[in-house]
Amino acid sequence: MKVAAKVDKEKCTGCGICVDACPQEAISLNDIAEIDPEKCTDCGTCVEECP
């Protein structure tokens, strides 16, 4: 099952856990996480790791 990854800008603390967890290196951190839709495969790893 695919998970549509998106960042909740109100809740993102910029901790970077999702950046380290992403196997596709699709997430960058500029104060908050930003997902590159071209690289993201919707694997859900970032969602699972996000505190």
C-alpha atoms as a PDB file:
ATOM      1  CA  MET A   1       0.000   0.000   0.000  1.00  0.00           C
ATOM      2  CA  LYS A   2       1.349   3.414  -0.940  1.00  0.00           C
ATOM      3  CA  VAL A   3       1.310   6.285   1.521  1.00  0.00           C
ATOM      4  CA  ALA A   4       1.038   9.773   0.095  1.00  0.00           C
ATOM      5  CA  ALA A   5       3.832  11.583   1.916  1.00  0.00           C
ATOM      6  CA  LYS A   6       3.263  15.208   2.751  1.00  0.00           C
ATOM      7  CA  VAL A   7       4.587  17.570   5.379  1.00  0.00           C
ATOM      8  CA  ASP A   8       2.284  19.097   7.965  1.00  0.00           C
ATOM      9  CA  LYS A   9       3.888  22.532   8.105  1.00  0.00           C
ATOM     10  CA  GLU A  10       2.214  23.282  11.438  1.00  0.00           C
ATOM     11  CA  LYS A  11       3.697  20.199  13.139  1.00  0.00           C
ATOM     12  CA  CYS A  12       7.114  19.795  11.469  1.00  0.00           C
ATOM     13  CA  THR A  13       9.871  20.716  13.929  1.00  0.00           C
ATOM     14  CA  GLY A  14      12.714  20.367  11.427  1.00  0.00           C
ATOM     15  CA  CYS A  15      14.329  17.521  13.372  1.00  0.00           C
ATOM     16  CA  GLY A  16      15.607  15.808  10.203  1.00  0.00           C
ATOM     17  CA  ILE A  17      14.660  12.251  11.162  1.00  0.00           C
ATOM     18  CA  CYS A  18      12.689  11.860   7.932  1.00  0.00           C
ATOM     19  CA  VAL A  19      15.650  13.099   5.878  1.00  0.00           C
ATOM     20  CA  ASP A  20      17.893  10.408   7.361  1.00  0.00           C
ATOM     21  CA  ALA A  21      15.201   7.730   7.008  1.00  0.00           C
ATOM     22  CA  CYS A  22      14.289   8.330   3.355  1.00  0.00           C
ATOM     23  CA  PRO A  23      15.814   5.586   1.158  1.00  0.00           C
ATOM     24  CA  GLN A  24      15.262   7.679  -1.992  1.00  0.00           C
ATOM     25  CA  GLU A  25      16.916  10.836  -0.616  1.00  0.00           C
ATOM     26  CA  ALA A  26      13.735  12.661  -1.591  1.00  0.00           C
ATOM     27  CA  ILE A  27      13.550  14.922   1.459  1.00  0.00           C
ATOM     28  CA  SER A  28      15.514  18.086   2.105  1.00  0.00           C
ATOM     29  CA  LEU A  29      15.421  20.297   5.163  1.00  0.00           C
ATOM     30  CA  ASN A  30      14.976  24.062   4.900  1.00  0.00           C
ATOM     31  CA  ASP A  31      13.616  24.943   8.353  1.00  0.00           C
ATOM     32  CA  ILE A  32      10.977  22.264   7.683  1.00  0.00           C
ATOM     33  CA  ALA A  33      11.034  19.091   5.599  1.00  0.00           C
ATOM     34  CA  GLU A  34      10.388  19.399   1.872  1.00  0.00           C
ATOM     35  CA  ILE A  35       9.600  16.347  -0.268  1.00  0.00           C
ATOM     36  CA  ASP A  36      10.731  16.110  -3.890  1.00  0.00           C
ATOM     37  CA  PRO A  37       7.779  14.430  -5.654  1.00  0.00           C
ATOM     38  CA  GLU A  38      10.040  13.353  -8.528  1.00  0.00           C
ATOM     39  CA  LYS A  39      12.182  11.245  -6.175  1.00  0.00           C
ATOM     40  CA  CYS A  40       9.516  10.148  -3.684  1.00  0.00           C
ATOM     41  CA  THR A  41       8.201   6.612  -4.221  1.00  0.00           C
ATOM     42  CA  ASP A  42       5.540   6.892  -1.485  1.00  0.00           C
ATOM     43  CA  CYS A  43       7.179   4.090   0.512  1.00  0.00           C
ATOM     44  CA  GLY A  44       5.983   5.595   3.814  1.00  0.00           C
ATOM     45  CA  THR A  45       9.304   5.302   5.650  1.00  0.00           C
ATOM     46  CA  CYS A  46       9.317   8.999   6.524  1.00  0.00           C
ATOM     47  CA  VAL A  47       5.774   8.800   7.879  1.00  0.00           C
ATOM     48  CA  GLU A  48       6.688   5.822  10.070  1.00  0.00           C
ATOM     49  CA  GLU A  49       9.807   7.542  11.452  1.00  0.00           C
ATOM     50  CA  CYS A  50       8.356  11.006  12.030  1.00  0.00           C
ATOM     51  CA  PRO A  51       7.924  11.739  15.731  1.00  0.00           C
END
